């Protein structure tokens, strides 16, 4: 199945994904892969790494990941500022916004073993 026009809304895009993949895990994987590509295009200088990079490089045969891990080459403040600007500008009809969430604090796990997401 192919389409000759771009989707006009998120709802239309999601319906097209369901038309291609059904409503199960394959549809979820396709949505996440598309999101990784879109967000990856808007990232400031750096690299996508980890499971996200493996999923983009090797496709469906890799382990399933829902997050995006990235390495940056500048300070956290500079990266965040450039990323926010890029998300607002958008790419190929997609835009976004950066949402800050509290760092995880899993019960019973020493802080040294919890990934630090905001180091300068």
PDB file of N, CA and C in Angstrom:
ATOM      1  N   UNK A   1       0.846  -1.166   0.000  1.00  0.00           N
ATOM      2  CA  UNK A   1       0.000   0.000   0.000  1.00  0.00           C
ATOM      3  C   UNK A   1       0.896   1.234   0.000  1.00  0.00           C
ATOM      4  N   UNK A   2       0.603   2.154  -0.880  1.00  0.00           N
ATOM      5  CA  UNK A   2       1.350   3.410  -0.946  1.00  0.00           C
ATOM      6  C   UNK A   2       0.373   4.575  -0.992  1.00  0.00           C
ATOM      7  N   UNK A   3       0.873   5.728  -0.598  1.00  0.00           N
ATOM      8  CA  UNK A   3       0.069   6.949  -0.599  1.00  0.00           C
ATOM      9  C   UNK A   3       0.790   7.991  -1.438  1.00  0.00           C
ATOM     10  N   UNK A   4       0.037   8.801  -2.152  1.00  0.00           N
ATOM     11  CA  UNK A   4       0.643   9.828  -3.004  1.00  0.00           C
ATOM     12  C   UNK A   4       0.707  11.187  -2.327  1.00  0.00           C
ATOM     13  N   UNK A   5       0.085  11.313  -1.162  1.00  0.00           N
ATOM     14  CA  UNK A   5       0.089  12.578  -0.435  1.00  0.00           C
ATOM     15  C   UNK A   5       0.633  12.362   0.964  1.00  0.00           C
ATOM     16  N   UNK A   6       1.097  13.440   1.572  1.00  0.00           N
ATOM     17  CA  UNK A   6       1.547  13.351   2.958  1.00  0.00           C
ATOM     18  C   UNK A   6       0.326  13.415   3.871  1.00  0.00           C
ATOM     19  N   UNK A   7       0.406  12.790   5.039  1.00  0.00           N
ATOM     20  CA  UNK A   7      -0.723  12.871   5.970  1.00  0.00           C
ATOM     21  C   UNK A   7      -0.921  14.308   6.451  1.00  0.00           C
ATOM     22  N   UNK A   8      -2.165  14.690   6.655  1.00  0.00           N
ATOM     23  CA  UNK A   8      -2.469  16.070   7.049  1.00  0.00           C
ATOM     24  C   UNK A   8      -2.509  16.256   8.559  1.00  0.00           C
ATOM     25  N   UNK A   9      -2.454  15.161   9.308  1.00  0.00           N
ATOM     26  CA  UNK A   9      -2.511  15.250  10.767  1.00  0.00           C
ATOM     27  C   UNK A   9      -1.887  14.001  11.373  1.00  0.00           C
ATOM     28  N   UNK A  10      -1.652  14.054  12.670  1.00  0.00           N
ATOM     29  CA  UNK A  10      -1.138  12.886  13.390  1.00  0.00           C
ATOM     30  C   UNK A  10      -2.132  11.736  13.282  1.00  0.00           C
ATOM     31  N   UNK A  11      -3.392  12.045  13.390  1.00  0.00           N
ATOM     32  CA  UNK A  11      -4.432  11.011  13.294  1.00  0.00           C
ATOM     33  C   UNK A  11      -4.358  10.281  11.939  1.00  0.00           C
ATOM     34  N   UNK A  12      -4.172  11.044  10.868  1.00  0.00           N
ATOM     35  CA  UNK A  12      -4.059  10.440   9.536  1.00  0.00           C
ATOM     36  C   UNK A  12      -2.814   9.572   9.442  1.00  0.00           C
ATOM     37  N   UNK A  13      -1.693  10.062   9.969  1.00  0.00           N
ATOM     38  CA  UNK A  13      -0.458   9.287   9.963  1.00  0.00           C
ATOM     39  C   UNK A  13      -0.639   7.988  10.733  1.00  0.00           C
ATOM     40  N   UNK A  14      -1.230   8.059  11.907  1.00  0.00           N
ATOM     41  CA  UNK A  14      -1.442   6.853  12.709  1.00  0.00           C
ATOM     42  C   UNK A  14      -2.362   5.867  11.999  1.00  0.00           C
ATOM     43  N   UNK A  15      -3.377   6.360  11.301  1.00  0.00           N
ATOM     44  CA  UNK A  15      -4.263   5.468  10.558  1.00  0.00           C
ATOM     45  C   UNK A  15      -3.512   4.780   9.422  1.00  0.00           C
ATOM     46  N   UNK A  16      -2.664   5.511   8.750  1.00  0.00           N
ATOM     47  CA  UNK A  16      -1.884   4.903   7.672  1.00  0.00           C
ATOM     48  C   UNK A  16      -0.950   3.825   8.208  1.00  0.00           C
ATOM     49  N   UNK A  17      -0.366   4.065   9.362  1.00  0.00           N
ATOM     50  CA  UNK A  17       0.497   3.049   9.980  1.00  0.00           C
ATOM     51  C   UNK A  17      -0.328   1.816  10.316  1.00  0.00           C
ATOM     52  N   UNK A  18      -1.513   2.005  10.872  1.00  0.00           N
ATOM     53  CA  UNK A  18      -2.392   0.853  11.167  1.00  0.00           C
ATOM     54  C   UNK A  18      -2.779   0.124   9.885  1.00  0.00           C
ATOM     55  N   UNK A  19      -3.009   0.863   8.805  1.00  0.00           N
ATOM     56  CA  UNK A  19      -3.344   0.230   7.530  1.00  0.00           C
ATOM     57  C   UNK A  19      -2.199  -0.646   7.031  1.00  0.00           C
ATOM     58  N   UNK A  20      -0.973  -0.214   7.277  1.00  0.00           N
ATOM     59  CA  UNK A  20       0.200  -0.971   6.841  1.00  0.00           C
ATOM     60  C   UNK A  20       0.535  -2.132   7.766  1.00  0.00           C
ATOM     61  N   UNK A  21       0.423  -1.919   9.071  1.00  0.00           N
ATOM     62  CA  UNK A  21       0.948  -2.870  10.048  1.00  0.00           C
ATOM     63  C   UNK A  21      -0.101  -3.523  10.939  1.00  0.00           C
ATOM     64  N   UNK A  22      -1.337  -3.086  10.877  1.00  0.00           N
ATOM     65  CA  UNK A  22      -2.318  -3.567  11.842  1.00  0.00           C
ATOM     66  C   UNK A  22      -2.207  -2.738  13.108  1.00  0.00           C
ATOM     67  N   UNK A  23      -2.722  -3.247  14.199  1.00  0.00           N
ATOM     68  CA  UNK A  23      -2.725  -2.441  15.421  1.00  0.00           C
ATOM     69  C   UNK A  23      -1.851  -3.022  16.524  1.00  0.00           C
ATOM     70  N   UNK A  24      -1.012  -3.983  16.208  1.00  0.00           N
ATOM     71  CA  UNK A  24      -0.198  -4.637  17.227  1.00  0.00           C
ATOM     72  C   UNK A  24       1.200  -4.078  17.350  1.00  0.00           C
ATOM     73  N   UNK A  25       2.123  -4.970  17.708  1.00  0.00           N
ATOM     74  CA  UNK A  25       3.503  -4.574  17.974  1.00  0.00           C
ATOM     75  C   UNK A  25       4.198  -4.021  16.732  1.00  0.00           C
ATOM     76  N   UNK A  26       3.886  -4.535  15.551  1.00  0.00           N
ATOM     77  CA  UNK A  26       4.530  -4.023  14.338  1.00  0.00           C
ATOM     78  C   UNK A  26       4.192  -2.556  14.106  1.00  0.00           C
ATOM     79  N   UNK A  27       2.953  -2.176  14.380  1.00  0.00           N
ATOM     80  CA  UNK A  27       2.559  -0.769  14.237  1.00  0.00           C
ATOM     81  C   UNK A  27       3.321   0.094  15.240  1.00  0.00           C
ATOM     82  N   UNK A  28       3.444  -0.385  16.470  1.00  0.00           N
ATOM     83  CA  UNK A  28       4.185   0.360  17.488  1.00  0.00           C
ATOM     84  C   UNK A  28       5.646   0.511  17.083  1.00  0.00           C
ATOM     85  N   UNK A  29       6.255  -0.557  16.594  1.00  0.00           N
ATOM     86  CA  UNK A  29       7.650  -0.490  16.152  1.00  0.00           C
ATOM     87  C   UNK A  29       7.822   0.513  15.011  1.00  0.00           C
ATOM     88  N   UNK A  30       6.883   0.521  14.066  1.00  0.00           N
ATOM     89  CA  UNK A  30       6.981   1.467  12.944  1.00  0.00           C
ATOM     90  C   UNK A  30       6.847   2.904  13.443  1.00  0.00           C
ATOM     91  N   UNK A  31       5.912   3.143  14.360  1.00  0.00           N
ATOM     92  CA  UNK A  31       5.745   4.496  14.911  1.00  0.00           C
ATOM     93  C   UNK A  31       7.022   4.956  15.600  1.00  0.00           C
ATOM     94  N   UNK A  32       7.609   4.073  16.396  1.00  0.00           N
ATOM     95  CA  UNK A  32       8.825   4.437  17.125  1.00  0.00           C
ATOM     96  C   UNK A  32       9.982   4.655  16.161  1.00  0.00           C
ATOM     97  N   UNK A  33      10.115   3.804  15.142  1.00  0.00           N
ATOM     98  CA  UNK A  33      11.184   3.985  14.155  1.00  0.00           C
ATOM     99  C   UNK A  33      11.035   5.323  13.441  1.00  0.00           C
ATOM    100  N   UNK A  34       9.811   5.667  13.074  1.00  0.00           N
ATOM    101  CA  UNK A  34       9.579   6.962  12.422  1.00  0.00           C
ATOM    102  C   UNK A  34       9.933   8.105  13.363  1.00  0.00           C
ATOM    103  N   UNK A  35       9.551   7.984  14.625  1.00  0.00           N
ATOM    104  CA  UNK A  35       9.858   9.029  15.604  1.00  0.00           C
ATOM    105  C   UNK A  35      11.368   9.182  15.785  1.00  0.00           C
ATOM    106  N   UNK A  36      12.100   8.062  15.811  1.00  0.00           N
ATOM    107  CA  UNK A  36      13.556   8.126  15.942  1.00  0.00           C
ATOM    108  C   UNK A  36      14.180   8.871  14.767  1.00  0.00           C
ATOM    109  N   UNK A  37      13.695   8.595  13.567  1.00  0.00           N
ATOM    110  CA  UNK A  37      14.221   9.277  12.380  1.00  0.00           C
ATOM    111  C   UNK A  37      13.915  10.770  12.446  1.00  0.00           C
ATOM    112  N   UNK A  38      12.676  11.112  12.757  1.00  0.00           N
ATOM    113  CA  UNK A  38      12.267  12.522  12.794  1.00  0.00           C
ATOM    114  C   UNK A  38      13.047  13.286  13.855  1.00  0.00           C
ATOM    115  N   UNK A  39      13.089  12.767  15.070  1.00  0.00           N
ATOM    116  CA  UNK A  39      13.805  13.457  16.143  1.00  0.00           C
ATOM    117  C   UNK A  39      15.301  13.486  15.843  1.00  0.00           C
ATOM    118  N   UNK A  40      15.820  12.400  15.280  1.00  0.00           N
ATOM    119  CA  UNK A  40      17.231  12.360  14.917  1.00  0.00           C
ATOM    120  C   UNK A  40      17.616  13.452  13.934  1.00  0.00           C
ATOM    121  N   UNK A  41      16.710  13.806  13.038  1.00  0.00           N
ATOM    122  CA  UNK A  41      16.974  14.874  12.075  1.00  0.00           C
ATOM    123  C   UNK A  41      17.029  16.243  12.745  1.00  0.00           C
ATOM    124  N   UNK A  42      16.383  16.360  13.896  1.00  0.00           N
ATOM    125  CA  UNK A  42      16.338  17.657  14.580  1.00  0.00           C
ATOM    126  C   UNK A  42      17.354  17.776  15.712  1.00  0.00           C
ATOM    127  N   UNK A  43      18.091  16.705  16.006  1.00  0.00           N
ATOM    128  CA  UNK A  43      19.092  16.763  17.074  1.00  0.00           C
ATOM    129  C   UNK A  43      20.231  17.705  16.705  1.00  0.00           C
ATOM    130  N   UNK A  44      20.736  18.466  17.674  1.00  0.00           N
ATOM    131  CA  UNK A  44      21.950  19.254  17.434  1.00  0.00           C
ATOM    132  C   UNK A  44      23.128  18.307  17.196  1.00  0.00           C
ATOM    133  N   UNK A  45      24.298  18.894  16.945  1.00  0.00           N
ATOM    134  CA  UNK A  45      25.480  18.080  16.667  1.00  0.00           C
ATOM    135  C   UNK A  45      25.693  17.033  17.755  1.00  0.00           C
ATOM    136  N   UNK A  46      25.870  15.805  17.329  1.00  0.00           N
ATOM    137  CA  UNK A  46      26.049  14.682  18.234  1.00  0.00           C
ATOM    138  C   UNK A  46      25.719  13.404  17.495  1.00  0.00           C
ATOM    139  N   UNK A  47      25.363  12.365  18.226  1.00  0.00           N
ATOM    140  CA  UNK A  47      25.051  11.084  17.593  1.00  0.00           C
ATOM    141  C   UNK A  47      23.994  10.333  18.387  1.00  0.00           C
ATOM    142  N   UNK A  48      23.145   9.626  17.671  1.00  0.00           N
ATOM    143  CA  UNK A  48      22.211   8.704  18.312  1.00  0.00           C
ATOM    144  C   UNK A  48      23.012   7.463  18.661  1.00  0.00           C
ATOM    145  N   UNK A  49      22.786   6.899  19.839  1.00  0.00           N
ATOM    146  CA  UNK A  49      23.565   5.738  20.267  1.00  0.00           C
ATOM    147  C   UNK A  49      22.650   4.696  20.894  1.00  0.00           C
ATOM    148  N   UNK A  50      23.220   3.577  21.281  1.00  0.00           N
ATOM    149  CA  UNK A  50      22.487   2.535  21.994  1.00  0.00           C
ATOM    150  C   UNK A  50      21.470   1.809  21.130  1.00  0.00           C
ATOM    151  N   UNK A  51      20.397   1.356  21.787  1.00  0.00           N
ATOM    152  CA  UNK A  51      19.356   0.596  21.108  1.00  0.00           C
ATOM    153  C   UNK A  51      18.703   1.369  19.985  1.00  0.00           C
ATOM    154  N   UNK A  52      18.605   2.677  20.143  1.00  0.00           N
ATOM    155  CA  UNK A  52      18.013   3.515  19.095  1.00  0.00           C
ATOM    156  C   UNK A  52      18.851   3.452  17.823  1.00  0.00           C
ATOM    157  N   UNK A  53      20.160   3.575  17.966  1.00  0.00           N
ATOM    158  CA  UNK A  53      21.053   3.518  16.811  1.00  0.00           C
ATOM    159  C   UNK A  53      20.994   2.145  16.156  1.00  0.00           C
ATOM    160  N   UNK A  54      20.951   1.097  16.969  1.00  0.00           N
ATOM    161  CA  UNK A  54      20.869  -0.260  16.428  1.00  0.00           C
ATOM    162  C   UNK A  54      19.571  -0.460  15.660  1.00  0.00           C
ATOM    163  N   UNK A  55      18.469   0.054  16.203  1.00  0.00           N
ATOM    164  CA  UNK A  55      17.173  -0.091  15.536  1.00  0.00           C
ATOM    165  C   UNK A  55      17.175   0.631  14.194  1.00  0.00           C
ATOM    166  N   UNK A  56      17.767   1.815  14.135  1.00  0.00           N
ATOM    167  CA  UNK A  56      17.820   2.554  12.875  1.00  0.00           C
ATOM    168  C   UNK A  56      18.736   1.876  11.864  1.00  0.00           C
ATOM    169  N   UNK A  57      19.830   1.312  12.331  1.00  0.00           N
ATOM    170  CA  UNK A  57      20.801   0.687  11.425  1.00  0.00           C
ATOM    171  C   UNK A  57      20.341  -0.674  10.930  1.00  0.00           C
ATOM    172  N   UNK A  58      19.799  -1.502  11.833  1.00  0.00           N
ATOM    173  CA  UNK A  58      19.504  -2.891  11.476  1.00  0.00           C
ATOM    174  C   UNK A  58      18.015  -3.211  11.383  1.00  0.00           C
ATOM    175  N   UNK A  59      17.161  -2.270  11.728  1.00  0.00           N
ATOM    176  CA  UNK A  59      15.723  -2.470  11.549  1.00  0.00           C
ATOM    177  C   UNK A  59      15.077  -3.383  12.571  1.00  0.00           C
ATOM    178  N   UNK A  60      14.037  -4.058  12.129  1.00  0.00           N
ATOM    179  CA  UNK A  60      13.174  -4.835  13.022  1.00  0.00           C
ATOM    180  C   UNK A  60      13.848  -6.012  13.707  1.00  0.00           C
ATOM    181  N   UNK A  61      14.975  -6.456  13.191  1.00  0.00           N
ATOM    182  CA  UNK A  61      15.633  -7.625  13.775  1.00  0.00           C
ATOM    183  C   UNK A  61      16.338  -7.302  15.093  1.00  0.00           C
ATOM    184  N   UNK A  62      16.446  -6.032  15.441  1.00  0.00           N
ATOM    185  CA  UNK A  62      17.170  -5.640  16.650  1.00  0.00           C
ATOM    186  C   UNK A  62      16.245  -5.593  17.859  1.00  0.00           C
ATOM    187  N   UNK A  63      16.856  -5.389  19.010  1.00  0.00           N
ATOM    188  CA  UNK A  63      16.051  -5.293  20.231  1.00  0.00           C
ATOM    189  C   UNK A  63      15.154  -4.067  20.163  1.00  0.00           C
ATOM    190  N   UNK A  64      14.037  -4.155  20.809  1.00  0.00           N
ATOM    191  CA  UNK A  64      13.025  -3.105  20.766  1.00  0.00           C
ATOM    192  C   UNK A  64      13.336  -2.052  21.819  1.00  0.00           C
ATOM    193  N   UNK A  65      13.330  -0.791  21.439  1.00  0.00           N
ATOM    194  CA  UNK A  65      13.581   0.294  22.379  1.00  0.00           C
ATOM    195  C   UNK A  65      12.563   1.400  22.157  1.00  0.00           C
ATOM    196  N   UNK A  66      12.157   2.040  23.216  1.00  0.00           N
ATOM    197  CA  UNK A  66      11.198   3.140  23.115  1.00  0.00           C
ATOM    198  C   UNK A  66      11.843   4.494  23.367  1.00  0.00           C
ATOM    199  N   UNK A  67      13.100   4.493  23.774  1.00  0.00           N
ATOM    200  CA  UNK A  67      13.741   5.766  24.096  1.00  0.00           C
ATOM    201  C   UNK A  67      14.786   6.111  23.047  1.00  0.00           C
ATOM    202  N   UNK A  68      15.283   7.317  23.136  1.00  0.00           N
ATOM    203  CA  UNK A  68      16.329   7.766  22.233  1.00  0.00           C
ATOM    204  C   UNK A  68      17.515   8.181  23.084  1.00  0.00           C
ATOM    205  N   UNK A  69      18.648   7.530  22.857  1.00  0.00           N
ATOM    206  CA  UNK A  69      19.885   7.884  23.551  1.00  0.00           C
ATOM    207  C   UNK A  69      20.756   8.667  22.584  1.00  0.00           C
ATOM    208  N   UNK A  70      21.296   9.775  23.053  1.00  0.00           N
ATOM    209  CA  UNK A  70      22.144  10.599  22.190  1.00  0.00           C
ATOM    210  C   UNK A  70      23.369  11.063  22.957  1.00  0.00           C
ATOM    211  N   UNK A  71      24.470  11.202  22.234  1.00  0.00           N
ATOM    212  CA  UNK A  71      25.692  11.782  22.786  1.00  0.00           C
ATOM    213  C   UNK A  71      25.817  13.188  22.220  1.00  0.00           C
ATOM    214  N   UNK A  72      26.277  14.109  23.028  1.00  0.00           N
ATOM    215  CA  UNK A  72      26.393  15.496  22.587  1.00  0.00           C
ATOM    216  C   UNK A  72      27.846  15.940  22.660  1.00  0.00           C
ATOM    217  N   UNK A  73      28.164  16.976  21.900  1.00  0.00           N
ATOM    218  CA  UNK A  73      29.542  17.478  21.864  1.00  0.00           C
ATOM    219  C   UNK A  73      29.665  18.856  22.503  1.00  0.00           C
ATOM    220  N   UNK A  74      28.607  19.323  23.112  1.00  0.00           N
ATOM    221  CA  UNK A  74      28.608  20.647  23.732  1.00  0.00           C
ATOM    222  C   UNK A  74      28.003  20.556  25.130  1.00  0.00           C
ATOM    223  N   UNK A  75      27.949  21.671  25.818  1.00  0.00           N
ATOM    224  CA  UNK A  75      27.365  21.678  27.155  1.00  0.00           C
ATOM    225  C   UNK A  75      25.894  21.292  27.081  1.00  0.00           C
ATOM    226  N   UNK A  76      25.362  20.839  28.195  1.00  0.00           N
ATOM    227  CA  UNK A  76      23.948  20.476  28.240  1.00  0.00           C
ATOM    228  C   UNK A  76      23.077  21.686  27.919  1.00  0.00           C
ATOM    229  N   UNK A  77      23.422  22.839  28.467  1.00  0.00           N
ATOM    230  CA  UNK A  77      22.624  24.047  28.219  1.00  0.00           C
ATOM    231  C   UNK A  77      22.615  24.404  26.734  1.00  0.00           C
ATOM    232  N   UNK A  78      23.768  24.331  26.085  1.00  0.00           N
ATOM    233  CA  UNK A  78      23.847  24.624  24.654  1.00  0.00           C
ATOM    234  C   UNK A  78      23.063  23.623  23.826  1.00  0.00           C
ATOM    235  N   UNK A  79      23.188  22.349  24.186  1.00  0.00           N
ATOM    236  CA  UNK A  79      22.459  21.292  23.476  1.00  0.00           C
ATOM    237  C   UNK A  79      20.958  21.505  23.607  1.00  0.00           C
ATOM    238  N   UNK A  80      20.499  21.741  24.831  1.00  0.00           N
ATOM    239  CA  UNK A  80      19.062  21.946  25.061  1.00  0.00           C
ATOM    240  C   UNK A  80      18.543  23.152  24.281  1.00  0.00           C
ATOM    241  N   UNK A  81      19.293  24.236  24.291  1.00  0.00           N
ATOM    242  CA  UNK A  81      18.874  25.446  23.593  1.00  0.00           C
ATOM    243  C   UNK A  81      18.746  25.195  22.087  1.00  0.00           C
ATOM    244  N   UNK A  82      19.772  24.585  21.491  1.00  0.00           N
ATOM    245  CA  UNK A  82      19.731  24.287  20.055  1.00  0.00           C
ATOM    246  C   UNK A  82      18.626  23.287  19.724  1.00  0.00           C
ATOM    247  N   UNK A  83      18.439  22.292  20.587  1.00  0.00           N
ATOM    248  CA  UNK A  83      17.414  21.277  20.351  1.00  0.00           C
ATOM    249  C   UNK A  83      16.021  21.905  20.407  1.00  0.00           C
ATOM    250  N   UNK A  84      15.778  22.764  21.394  1.00  0.00           N
ATOM    251  CA  UNK A  84      14.479  23.440  21.493  1.00  0.00           C
ATOM    252  C   UNK A  84      14.198  24.273  20.245  1.00  0.00           C
ATOM    253  N   UNK A  85      15.211  24.991  19.757  1.00  0.00           N
ATOM    254  CA  UNK A  85      15.044  25.792  18.537  1.00  0.00           C
ATOM    255  C   UNK A  85      14.743  24.900  17.335  1.00  0.00           C
ATOM    256  N   UNK A  86      15.471  23.803  17.225  1.00  0.00           N
ATOM    257  CA  UNK A  86      15.281  22.879  16.111  1.00  0.00           C
ATOM    258  C   UNK A  86      13.898  22.230  16.149  1.00  0.00           C
ATOM    259  N   UNK A  87      13.447  21.840  17.328  1.00  0.00           N
ATOM    260  CA  UNK A  87      12.112  21.245  17.462  1.00  0.00           C
ATOM    261  C   UNK A  87      11.027  22.242  17.069  1.00  0.00           C
ATOM    262  N   UNK A  88      11.197  23.501  17.446  1.00  0.00           N
ATOM    263  CA  UNK A  88      10.213  24.530  17.101  1.00  0.00           C
ATOM    264  C   UNK A  88      10.208  24.800  15.593  1.00  0.00           C
ATOM    265  N   UNK A  89      11.383  24.802  14.970  1.00  0.00           N
ATOM    266  CA  UNK A  89      11.504  25.002  13.522  1.00  0.00           C
ATOM    267  C   UNK A  89      10.890  23.827  12.769  1.00  0.00           C
ATOM    268  N   UNK A  90      11.181  22.621  13.268  1.00  0.00           N
ATOM    269  CA  UNK A  90      10.615  21.418  12.677  1.00  0.00           C
ATOM    270  C   UNK A  90      11.428  20.826  11.545  1.00  0.00           C
ATOM    271  N   UNK A  91      10.949  19.676  11.073  1.00  0.00           N
ATOM    272  CA  UNK A  91      11.569  18.957   9.964  1.00  0.00           C
ATOM    273  C   UNK A  91      10.486  18.180   9.230  1.00  0.00           C
ATOM    274  N   UNK A  92      10.375  18.374   7.942  1.00  0.00           N
ATOM    275  CA  UNK A  92       9.446  17.631   7.078  1.00  0.00           C
ATOM    276  C   UNK A  92       8.010  17.637   7.611  1.00  0.00           C
ATOM    277  N   UNK A  93       7.597  18.776   8.150  1.00  0.00           N
ATOM    278  CA  UNK A  93       6.229  18.889   8.647  1.00  0.00           C
ATOM    279  C   UNK A  93       6.037  18.503  10.100  1.00  0.00           C
ATOM    280  N   UNK A  94       7.075  17.981  10.739  1.00  0.00           N
ATOM    281  CA  UNK A  94       7.003  17.598  12.151  1.00  0.00           C
ATOM    282  C   UNK A  94       7.622  18.694  13.003  1.00  0.00           C
ATOM    283  N   UNK A  95       7.030  18.969  14.143  1.00  0.00           N
ATOM    284  CA  UNK A  95       7.602  19.877  15.132  1.00  0.00           C
ATOM    285  C   UNK A  95       7.525  19.186  16.487  1.00  0.00           C
ATOM    286  N   UNK A  96       8.153  19.788  17.475  1.00  0.00           N
ATOM    287  CA  UNK A  96       8.105  19.190  18.803  1.00  0.00           C
ATOM    288  C   UNK A  96       8.468  20.199  19.861  1.00  0.00           C
ATOM    289  N   UNK A  97       8.506  19.721  21.091  1.00  0.00           N
ATOM    290  CA  UNK A  97       8.953  20.551  22.208  1.00  0.00           C
ATOM    291  C   UNK A  97       9.669  19.654  23.199  1.00  0.00           C
ATOM    292  N   UNK A  98      10.618  20.222  23.875  1.00  0.00           N
ATOM    293  CA  UNK A  98      11.421  19.492  24.845  1.00  0.00           C
ATOM    294  C   UNK A  98      10.723  19.530  26.193  1.00  0.00           C
ATOM    295  N   UNK A  99      10.525  18.378  26.786  1.00  0.00           N
ATOM    296  CA  UNK A  99       9.860  18.282  28.086  1.00  0.00           C
ATOM    297  C   UNK A  99      10.870  17.746  29.096  1.00  0.00           C
ATOM    298  N   UNK A 100      11.077  18.482  30.176  1.00  0.00           N
ATOM    299  CA  UNK A 100      11.987  18.054  31.233  1.00  0.00           C
ATOM    300  C   UNK A 100      11.218  17.211  32.237  1.00  0.00           C
ATOM    301  N   UNK A 101      11.762  16.061  32.536  1.00  0.00           N
ATOM    302  CA  UNK A 101      11.150  15.168  33.524  1.00  0.00           C
ATOM    303  C   UNK A 101      12.162  14.910  34.630  1.00  0.00           C
ATOM    304  N   UNK A 102      11.667  14.594  35.826  1.00  0.00           N
ATOM    305  CA  UNK A 102      12.605  14.298  36.918  1.00  0.00           C
ATOM    306  C   UNK A 102      13.410  13.034  36.619  1.00  0.00           C
ATOM    307  N   UNK A 103      14.645  13.026  37.088  1.00  0.00           N
ATOM    308  CA  UNK A 103      15.506  11.856  36.900  1.00  0.00           C
ATOM    309  C   UNK A 103      14.917  10.660  37.642  1.00  0.00           C
ATOM    310  N   UNK A 104      15.085   9.456  37.094  1.00  0.00           N
ATOM    311  CA  UNK A 104      14.557   8.269  37.769  1.00  0.00           C
ATOM    312  C   UNK A 104      15.292   7.997  39.076  1.00  0.00           C
ATOM    313  N   UNK A 105      14.581   7.480  40.036  1.00  0.00           N
ATOM    314  CA  UNK A 105      15.156   7.081  41.319  1.00  0.00           C
ATOM    315  C   UNK A 105      14.596   5.706  41.682  1.00  0.00           C
ATOM    316  N   UNK A 106      15.064   4.653  40.992  1.00  0.00           N
ATOM    317  CA  UNK A 106      14.517   3.321  41.252  1.00  0.00           C
ATOM    318  C   UNK A 106      14.812   2.852  42.677  1.00  0.00           C
ATOM    319  N   UNK A 107      13.813   2.296  43.309  1.00  0.00           N
ATOM    320  CA  UNK A 107      13.936   1.802  44.680  1.00  0.00           C
ATOM    321  C   UNK A 107      14.973   0.687  44.750  1.00  0.00           C
ATOM    322  N   UNK A 108      15.877   0.802  45.703  1.00  0.00           N
ATOM    323  CA  UNK A 108      16.858  -0.248  45.946  1.00  0.00           C
ATOM    324  C   UNK A 108      18.056  -0.237  45.011  1.00  0.00           C
ATOM    325  N   UNK A 109      18.133   0.727  44.110  1.00  0.00           N
ATOM    326  CA  UNK A 109      19.263   0.801  43.180  1.00  0.00           C
ATOM    327  C   UNK A 109      20.156   1.959  43.617  1.00  0.00           C
ATOM    328  N   UNK A 110      21.437   1.683  43.912  1.00  0.00           N
ATOM    329  CA  UNK A 110      22.340   2.754  44.329  1.00  0.00           C
ATOM    330  C   UNK A 110      22.455   3.824  43.244  1.00  0.00           C
ATOM    331  N   UNK A 111      22.519   5.100  43.636  1.00  0.00           N
ATOM    332  CA  UNK A 111      22.590   6.199  42.662  1.00  0.00           C
ATOM    333  C   UNK A 111      23.708   6.041  41.630  1.00  0.00           C
ATOM    334  N   UNK A 112      24.822   5.420  42.022  1.00  0.00           N
ATOM    335  CA  UNK A 112      25.942   5.251  41.092  1.00  0.00           C
ATOM    336  C   UNK A 112      25.566   4.387  39.890  1.00  0.00           C
ATOM    337  N   UNK A 113      24.522   3.565  40.025  1.00  0.00           N
ATOM    338  CA  UNK A 113      24.111   2.677  38.940  1.00  0.00           C
ATOM    339  C   UNK A 113      22.993   3.262  38.077  1.00  0.00           C
ATOM    340  N   UNK A 114      22.488   4.422  38.441  1.00  0.00           N
ATOM    341  CA  UNK A 114      21.406   5.050  37.683  1.00  0.00           C
ATOM    342  C   UNK A 114      22.022   6.047  36.712  1.00  0.00           C
ATOM    343  N   UNK A 115      21.657   5.928  35.419  1.00  0.00           N
ATOM    344  CA  UNK A 115      22.213   6.811  34.401  1.00  0.00           C
ATOM    345  C   UNK A 115      21.876   8.262  34.722  1.00  0.00           C
ATOM    346  N   UNK A 116      22.865   9.104  34.633  1.00  0.00           N
ATOM    347  CA  UNK A 116      22.678  10.531  34.864  1.00  0.00           C
ATOM    348  C   UNK A 116      22.363  11.191  33.533  1.00  0.00           C
ATOM    349  N   UNK A 117      21.159  11.711  33.378  1.00  0.00           N
ATOM    350  CA  UNK A 117      20.750  12.257  32.090  1.00  0.00           C
ATOM    351  C   UNK A 117      21.135  13.718  31.915  1.00  0.00           C
ATOM    352  N   UNK A 118      21.480  14.410  32.967  1.00  0.00           N
ATOM    353  CA  UNK A 118      21.777  15.835  32.832  1.00  0.00           C
ATOM    354  C   UNK A 118      23.115  16.167  33.458  1.00  0.00           C
ATOM    355  N   UNK A 119      24.179  15.748  32.794  1.00  0.00           N
ATOM    356  CA  UNK A 119      25.516  16.111  33.250  1.00  0.00           C
ATOM    357  C   UNK A 119      26.086  17.139  32.297  1.00  0.00           C
ATOM    358  N   UNK A 120      26.780  18.105  32.816  1.00  0.00           N
ATOM    359  CA  UNK A 120      27.312  19.186  31.966  1.00  0.00           C
ATOM    360  C   UNK A 120      28.609  18.805  31.314  1.00  0.00           C
TER     361      UNK A 120
END
